[in-house]
């Protein structure tokens, strides 16, 4: 596991606050990346399409990461209520020796927006004005100057800003178990138990991963990393517990109920361009099985999804047996 540590960090400069919050930092080197998650609370009622645009993700990714029904009619128009917690899939990169997202670019939309308002009113304070400034200080356009740290200085409409949320990779595992990590900002009054429960994790895992001392308290604004066990599907694609993903050219849906990973043909509404994948020499679709009784027990043969490469869906049989037990 890469070197990771929790630190006390000043989240704001003297331009607006002296507040101090704890946040998790994973140190890194090189240019490797991973997929991770943000635990983002919606600031105001909004459509899924707005979330998709704000974070540069797809509708499928939002639906799958939050275990929404894949066949929701017109999902882009579904309204997400204020303060609802969403899991946002992001790319987690190594930047100046620490892990930060590199896939979120915000376009200034209206007059009067500042780094302060973007930080707090758009992204709920999970990333600070100073962090946004530092991530964009080498912008070739050169129109972010030091005075941009003043909370009243407007940013030009159309300006594109990299938003560097904290994130974690930890080599894709926690204590030897495949895992994905979600960055979450503590809300007022929340306990470690409540936060762990939000993501089906455990208090001990959250405490250990974030280097928390016995008896230490949480404060609103602290940013923690929470490990979620997952199962790998395809190369480099992990499905965290309690989520699903649509893969194989939108033809296969893989759902994780850890430690189970169940892959089945994607619903017809997914837009799959091909017939439901089947195992050769049978009518079994991915995820289906047959049983055959014998004196020795029950032979179960299932059709399993084995990956996707160069537009080819790989499938295969898995055979297992169970013994007859007289009760």
Protein backbone atom coordinates (compact mmCIF):
# COMPACT_ATOMS: atom_id res chain seq x y z
CA UNK A 1 0.00 0.00 0.00
CA UNK A 2 1.27 3.46 -0.83
CA UNK A 3 2.25 5.76 2.00
CA UNK A 4 -0.91 7.48 3.21
CA UNK A 5 -1.49 9.62 6.23
CA UNK A 6 -4.11 11.82 7.85
CA UNK A 7 -3.01 15.34 8.74
CA UNK A 8 -4.30 18.56 10.23
CA UNK A 9 -4.42 21.12 7.46
CA UNK A 10 -5.49 24.73 7.14
CA UNK A 11 -8.35 24.69 4.65
CA UNK A 12 -8.56 28.45 4.18
CA UNK A 13 -6.15 31.36 3.95
CA UNK A 14 -6.21 34.57 5.91
CA UNK A 15 -8.29 36.08 3.14
CA UNK A 16 -11.44 34.59 4.63
CA UNK A 17 -10.98 32.29 7.60
CA UNK A 18 -8.67 30.77 10.15
CA UNK A 19 -10.69 27.54 10.42
CA UNK A 20 -8.73 24.33 10.66
CA UNK A 21 -10.06 20.92 9.56
CA UNK A 22 -8.61 17.44 9.29
CA UNK A 23 -8.34 15.76 5.95
CA UNK A 24 -6.81 12.58 4.61
CA UNK A 25 -3.79 12.79 2.34
CA UNK A 26 -2.30 9.92 0.37
CA UNK A 27 1.24 10.59 -0.75
CA UNK A 28 2.28 9.25 -4.14
CA UNK A 29 4.88 9.34 -6.88
CA UNK A 30 4.80 8.75 -10.59
CA UNK A 31 1.87 9.21 -12.93
CA UNK A 32 -0.40 6.27 -12.07
CA UNK A 33 -4.13 6.83 -11.65
CA UNK A 34 -7.10 4.94 -10.27
CA UNK A 35 -10.85 5.17 -10.08
CA UNK A 36 -12.24 6.46 -6.80
CA UNK A 37 -15.42 8.05 -5.47
CA UNK A 38 -16.59 11.33 -4.01
CA UNK A 39 -19.34 11.34 -1.42
CA UNK A 40 -21.04 14.53 -2.60
CA UNK A 41 -24.11 16.07 -0.97
CA UNK A 42 -26.30 17.95 -3.43
CA UNK A 43 -26.25 21.65 -2.55
CA UNK A 44 -29.65 22.46 -4.10
CA UNK A 45 -32.33 20.48 -5.95
CA UNK A 46 -30.96 19.62 -9.38
CA UNK A 47 -31.34 17.23 -12.31
CA UNK A 48 -29.04 14.27 -12.88
CA UNK A 49 -28.04 15.93 -16.17
CA UNK A 50 -26.60 18.87 -14.19
CA UNK A 51 -24.60 16.53 -11.96
CA UNK A 52 -23.31 14.75 -15.07
CA UNK A 53 -22.17 18.07 -16.57
CA UNK A 54 -20.65 19.38 -13.33
CA UNK A 55 -18.48 16.33 -12.68
CA UNK A 56 -17.79 15.22 -16.26
CA UNK A 57 -19.26 11.74 -15.79
CA UNK A 58 -21.92 9.76 -17.66
CA UNK A 59 -25.54 9.14 -16.70
CA UNK A 60 -24.78 5.40 -16.53
CA UNK A 61 -21.99 6.06 -14.02
CA UNK A 62 -24.27 8.10 -11.76
CA UNK A 63 -27.04 5.49 -11.94
CA UNK A 64 -24.69 2.57 -11.28
CA UNK A 65 -22.60 4.19 -8.54
CA UNK A 66 -25.78 5.04 -6.63
CA UNK A 67 -27.61 1.80 -7.41
CA UNK A 68 -30.48 3.59 -9.12
CA UNK A 69 -32.82 1.49 -11.26
CA UNK A 70 -31.08 1.16 -14.61
CA UNK A 71 -34.41 1.34 -16.49
CA UNK A 72 -35.48 4.73 -15.05
CA UNK A 73 -37.37 6.56 -17.82
CA UNK A 74 -35.57 9.73 -18.96
CA UNK A 75 -32.96 9.51 -16.18
CA UNK A 76 -31.28 12.80 -17.09
CA UNK A 77 -34.41 14.66 -15.95
CA UNK A 78 -34.67 12.92 -12.57
CA UNK A 79 -34.50 15.49 -9.75
CA UNK A 80 -31.97 14.90 -6.96
CA UNK A 81 -33.06 16.55 -3.73
CA UNK A 82 -30.84 18.99 -1.79
CA UNK A 83 -28.56 17.26 0.74
CA UNK A 84 -29.02 13.84 -0.89
CA UNK A 85 -25.73 11.95 -0.84
CA UNK A 86 -24.38 10.82 -4.21
CA UNK A 87 -21.38 8.68 -5.03
CA UNK A 88 -19.51 10.37 -7.88
CA UNK A 89 -16.93 8.27 -9.79
CA UNK A 90 -13.73 10.22 -10.43
CA UNK A 91 -10.22 9.76 -11.75
CA UNK A 92 -7.67 9.98 -8.93
CA UNK A 93 -4.20 11.09 -10.04
CA UNK A 94 -0.85 11.93 -8.45
CA UNK A 95 -0.24 15.69 -8.36
CA UNK A 96 2.79 17.21 -6.68
CA UNK A 97 3.22 14.14 -4.51
CA UNK A 98 -0.36 13.76 -3.27
CA UNK A 99 -3.59 12.26 -4.61
CA UNK A 100 -6.06 14.67 -6.20
CA UNK A 101 -8.82 14.31 -8.79
CA UNK A 102 -7.86 15.31 -12.33
CA UNK A 103 -11.14 14.68 -14.15
CA UNK A 104 -13.37 17.49 -12.87
CA UNK A 105 -13.36 20.76 -14.78
CA UNK A 106 -15.84 23.49 -13.85
CA UNK A 107 -16.89 26.15 -16.38
CA UNK A 108 -17.86 29.48 -14.82
CA UNK A 109 -21.48 30.02 -15.87
CA UNK A 110 -22.61 33.41 -14.67
CA UNK A 111 -21.49 36.83 -13.54
CA UNK A 112 -20.49 37.23 -9.92
CA UNK A 113 -18.91 33.80 -9.43
CA UNK A 114 -15.74 33.78 -7.33
CA UNK A 115 -13.41 31.04 -6.14
CA UNK A 116 -15.15 31.35 -2.79
CA UNK A 117 -18.67 30.93 -4.21
CA UNK A 118 -17.57 28.06 -6.46
CA UNK A 119 -16.01 26.30 -3.48
CA UNK A 120 -18.97 26.71 -1.17
CA UNK A 121 -22.11 27.18 -3.26
CA UNK A 122 -21.27 24.74 -6.05
CA UNK A 123 -19.13 22.10 -4.37
CA UNK A 124 -20.34 22.42 -0.78
CA UNK A 125 -16.96 23.36 0.70
CA UNK A 126 -15.39 19.98 -0.02
CA UNK A 127 -12.60 21.74 -1.89
CA UNK A 128 -11.29 25.12 -0.73
CA UNK A 129 -10.82 28.35 -2.74
CA UNK A 130 -7.09 28.13 -2.05
CA UNK A 131 -6.91 24.56 -3.42
CA UNK A 132 -8.78 25.62 -6.58
CA UNK A 133 -6.42 28.56 -7.02
CA UNK A 134 -3.32 26.43 -6.57
CA UNK A 135 -4.58 23.82 -9.05
CA UNK A 136 -5.05 26.54 -11.68
CA UNK A 137 -2.18 28.91 -10.87
CA UNK A 138 -0.15 27.66 -13.86
CA UNK A 139 -3.02 28.20 -16.27
CA UNK A 140 -1.58 29.34 -19.63
CA UNK A 141 -4.37 31.91 -19.89
CA UNK A 142 -2.80 33.64 -16.91
CA UNK A 143 -6.00 35.31 -15.72
CA UNK A 144 -5.96 33.83 -12.22
CA UNK A 145 -3.77 36.16 -10.21
CA UNK A 146 -3.11 36.39 -6.49
CA UNK A 147 -6.02 38.78 -6.18
CA UNK A 148 -8.22 35.85 -7.22
CA UNK A 149 -7.93 34.70 -3.63
CA UNK A 150 -9.99 37.67 -2.55
CA UNK A 151 -13.51 36.39 -1.95
CA UNK A 152 -15.01 39.33 -3.86
CA UNK A 153 -12.95 38.94 -7.05
CA UNK A 154 -15.07 37.59 -9.90
CA UNK A 155 -13.89 34.87 -12.27
CA UNK A 156 -14.62 35.46 -15.97
CA UNK A 157 -17.62 33.70 -17.49
CA UNK A 158 -16.49 30.69 -19.51
CA UNK A 159 -13.31 30.25 -17.47
CA UNK A 160 -12.55 26.52 -17.04
CA UNK A 161 -11.18 25.55 -13.64
CA UNK A 162 -9.65 22.25 -12.57
CA UNK A 163 -11.29 21.18 -9.29
CA UNK A 164 -8.79 19.18 -7.16
CA UNK A 165 -10.87 17.09 -4.76
CA UNK A 166 -8.97 14.86 -2.33
CA UNK A 167 -9.04 11.18 -3.31
CA UNK A 168 -7.29 7.89 -2.60
CA UNK A 169 -6.04 4.81 -4.46
CA UNK A 170 -4.07 2.82 -1.86
CA UNK A 171 -3.13 0.34 -4.59
CA UNK A 172 -6.76 -0.77 -4.89
CA UNK A 173 -6.92 -2.64 -1.62
CA UNK A 174 -7.37 -2.21 2.12
CA UNK A 175 -5.92 -4.80 4.51
CA UNK A 176 -5.52 -7.24 1.64
CA UNK A 177 -9.10 -6.91 0.36
CA UNK A 178 -9.87 -5.31 -3.04
CA UNK A 179 -11.41 -1.92 -2.31
CA UNK A 180 -12.37 1.45 -3.71
CA UNK A 181 -12.17 4.59 -1.61
CA UNK A 182 -14.70 7.38 -1.21
CA UNK A 183 -13.82 10.90 -0.03
CA UNK A 184 -16.46 12.27 2.32
CA UNK A 185 -16.81 15.61 4.10
CA UNK A 186 -18.13 15.31 7.63
CA UNK A 187 -21.45 17.05 8.31
CA UNK A 188 -22.26 18.76 11.57
CA UNK A 189 -22.92 16.27 14.36
CA UNK A 190 -21.98 13.14 12.39
CA UNK A 191 -20.18 10.30 14.12
CA UNK A 192 -17.69 7.82 12.74
CA UNK A 193 -20.35 5.12 13.05
CA UNK A 194 -22.84 7.14 10.97
CA UNK A 195 -20.27 7.82 8.26
CA UNK A 196 -19.18 4.19 8.06
CA UNK A 197 -22.85 3.14 7.82
CA UNK A 198 -23.43 5.48 4.86
CA UNK A 199 -21.05 3.36 2.77
CA UNK A 200 -21.50 -0.10 4.34
CA UNK A 201 -18.01 0.16 5.79
CA UNK A 202 -16.89 -0.33 9.40
CA UNK A 203 -15.88 2.08 12.14
CA UNK A 204 -12.56 0.26 12.65
CA UNK A 205 -11.73 0.57 8.93
CA UNK A 206 -12.48 4.30 8.86
CA UNK A 207 -10.49 4.92 12.04
CA UNK A 208 -7.48 2.89 10.86
CA UNK A 209 -7.38 4.26 7.32
CA UNK A 210 -7.56 7.89 8.49
CA UNK A 211 -5.00 7.48 11.25
CA UNK A 212 -7.47 8.62 13.89
CA UNK A 213 -6.39 8.48 17.49
CA UNK A 214 -8.50 6.82 20.18
CA UNK A 215 -11.04 9.31 21.48
CA UNK A 216 -10.44 11.82 18.66
CA UNK A 217 -13.50 13.78 17.59
CA UNK A 218 -14.83 14.78 14.20
CA UNK A 219 -15.82 18.27 13.14
CA UNK A 220 -17.92 19.55 10.28
CA UNK A 221 -15.62 20.09 7.33
CA UNK A 222 -13.23 17.23 8.08
CA UNK A 223 -12.64 15.15 4.93
CA UNK A 224 -12.21 11.41 5.45
CA UNK A 225 -11.52 8.47 3.18
CA UNK A 226 -13.84 5.49 3.59
CA UNK A 227 -12.87 2.04 2.20
CA UNK A 228 -15.58 0.12 0.36
CA UNK A 229 -14.86 -3.53 -0.50
CA UNK A 230 -15.35 -4.37 -4.16
CA UNK A 231 -14.94 -6.98 -6.87
CA UNK A 232 -12.89 -6.61 -10.04
CA UNK A 233 -14.56 -6.94 -13.44
CA UNK A 234 -12.71 -6.47 -16.72
CA UNK A 235 -9.22 -4.97 -16.66
CA UNK A 236 -8.85 -2.14 -14.16
CA UNK A 237 -12.59 -1.88 -13.46
CA UNK A 238 -13.78 -2.44 -9.92
CA UNK A 239 -17.39 -2.52 -8.75
CA UNK A 240 -17.74 -1.28 -5.15
CA UNK A 241 -20.19 -2.94 -2.79
CA UNK A 242 -23.77 -1.73 -3.22
CA UNK A 243 -23.27 -0.49 -6.79
CA UNK A 244 -23.38 -1.79 -10.35
CA UNK A 245 -21.73 -0.97 -13.64
CA UNK A 246 -22.78 -1.33 -17.27
CA UNK A 247 -19.86 -2.71 -19.27
CA UNK A 248 -19.02 -4.65 -22.44
CA UNK A 249 -20.36 -2.07 -24.89
CA UNK A 250 -23.44 -1.57 -22.68
CA UNK A 251 -24.38 -5.25 -22.95
CA UNK A 252 -23.51 -6.55 -19.47
CA UNK A 253 -24.58 -5.33 -16.03
CA UNK A 254 -22.37 -6.37 -13.09
CA UNK A 255 -23.71 -5.77 -9.57
CA UNK A 256 -21.68 -6.13 -6.37
CA UNK A 257 -23.24 -7.40 -3.16
CA UNK A 258 -19.90 -8.13 -1.52
CA UNK A 259 -18.47 -10.70 -1.71
CA UNK A 260 -20.78 -11.68 -4.60
CA UNK A 261 -20.43 -10.17 -8.06
CA UNK A 262 -23.39 -10.99 -10.30
CA UNK A 263 -23.15 -10.28 -14.04
CA UNK A 264 -26.24 -10.53 -16.25
CA UNK A 265 -27.31 -9.20 -19.65
CA UNK A 266 -27.96 -5.45 -19.40
CA UNK A 267 -31.62 -4.37 -19.63
CA UNK A 268 -32.86 -3.71 -23.13
CA UNK A 269 -33.17 -0.02 -22.25
CA UNK A 270 -29.37 0.22 -21.91
CA UNK A 271 -28.95 0.43 -25.68
CA UNK A 272 -26.91 -2.74 -26.10
CA UNK A 273 -26.21 -3.18 -29.84
CA UNK A 274 -26.06 -6.97 -29.65
CA UNK A 275 -28.21 -9.94 -28.54
CA UNK A 276 -27.93 -11.06 -24.93
CA UNK A 277 -24.55 -12.85 -24.57
CA UNK A 278 -24.82 -16.65 -24.25
CA UNK A 279 -22.43 -19.47 -23.52
CA UNK A 280 -21.46 -21.54 -26.54
CA UNK A 281 -23.39 -24.74 -27.12
CA UNK A 282 -26.32 -23.83 -24.87
CA UNK A 283 -29.16 -21.38 -24.44
CA UNK A 284 -27.75 -20.11 -21.16
CA UNK A 285 -27.37 -16.36 -20.97
CA UNK A 286 -24.75 -14.72 -18.74
CA UNK A 287 -25.84 -15.20 -15.13
CA UNK A 288 -28.12 -18.19 -15.84
CA UNK A 289 -27.49 -21.71 -14.60
CA UNK A 290 -28.76 -25.27 -14.82
CA UNK A 291 -28.80 -28.01 -12.21
CA UNK A 292 -28.53 -31.76 -12.61
CA UNK A 293 -29.29 -34.14 -9.74
CA UNK A 294 -27.24 -37.27 -9.09
CA UNK A 295 -26.64 -39.72 -6.28
CA UNK A 296 -23.56 -37.76 -5.31
CA UNK A 297 -25.31 -34.41 -5.12
CA UNK A 298 -26.39 -31.56 -7.33
CA UNK A 299 -24.25 -30.41 -10.26
CA UNK A 300 -24.64 -26.69 -11.01
CA UNK A 301 -23.44 -25.27 -14.33
CA UNK A 302 -23.57 -21.50 -14.77
CA UNK A 303 -22.74 -19.18 -17.65
CA UNK A 304 -20.22 -16.62 -16.43
CA UNK A 305 -19.04 -13.26 -17.78
CA UNK A 306 -15.26 -13.40 -18.26
CA UNK A 307 -14.45 -9.96 -19.67
CA UNK A 308 -14.54 -7.71 -22.72
CA UNK A 309 -11.77 -6.92 -25.20
CA UNK A 310 -11.66 -5.60 -28.77
CA UNK A 311 -15.47 -5.62 -29.00
CA UNK A 312 -15.61 -9.29 -27.98
CA UNK A 313 -17.55 -10.46 -24.91
CA UNK A 314 -15.88 -13.46 -23.27
CA UNK A 315 -18.05 -16.00 -21.47
CA UNK A 316 -17.48 -19.42 -19.98
CA UNK A 317 -18.94 -22.17 -17.87
CA UNK A 318 -18.46 -22.57 -14.14
CA UNK A 319 -19.24 -25.96 -12.67
CA UNK A 320 -19.75 -26.59 -9.00
CA UNK A 321 -21.44 -29.29 -6.96
CA UNK A 322 -23.29 -29.51 -3.67
CA UNK A 323 -23.87 -32.66 -1.66
CA UNK A 324 -27.29 -34.11 -0.92
CA UNK A 325 -28.00 -33.82 2.79
CA UNK A 326 -30.73 -35.87 4.45
CA UNK A 327 -32.55 -33.94 7.14
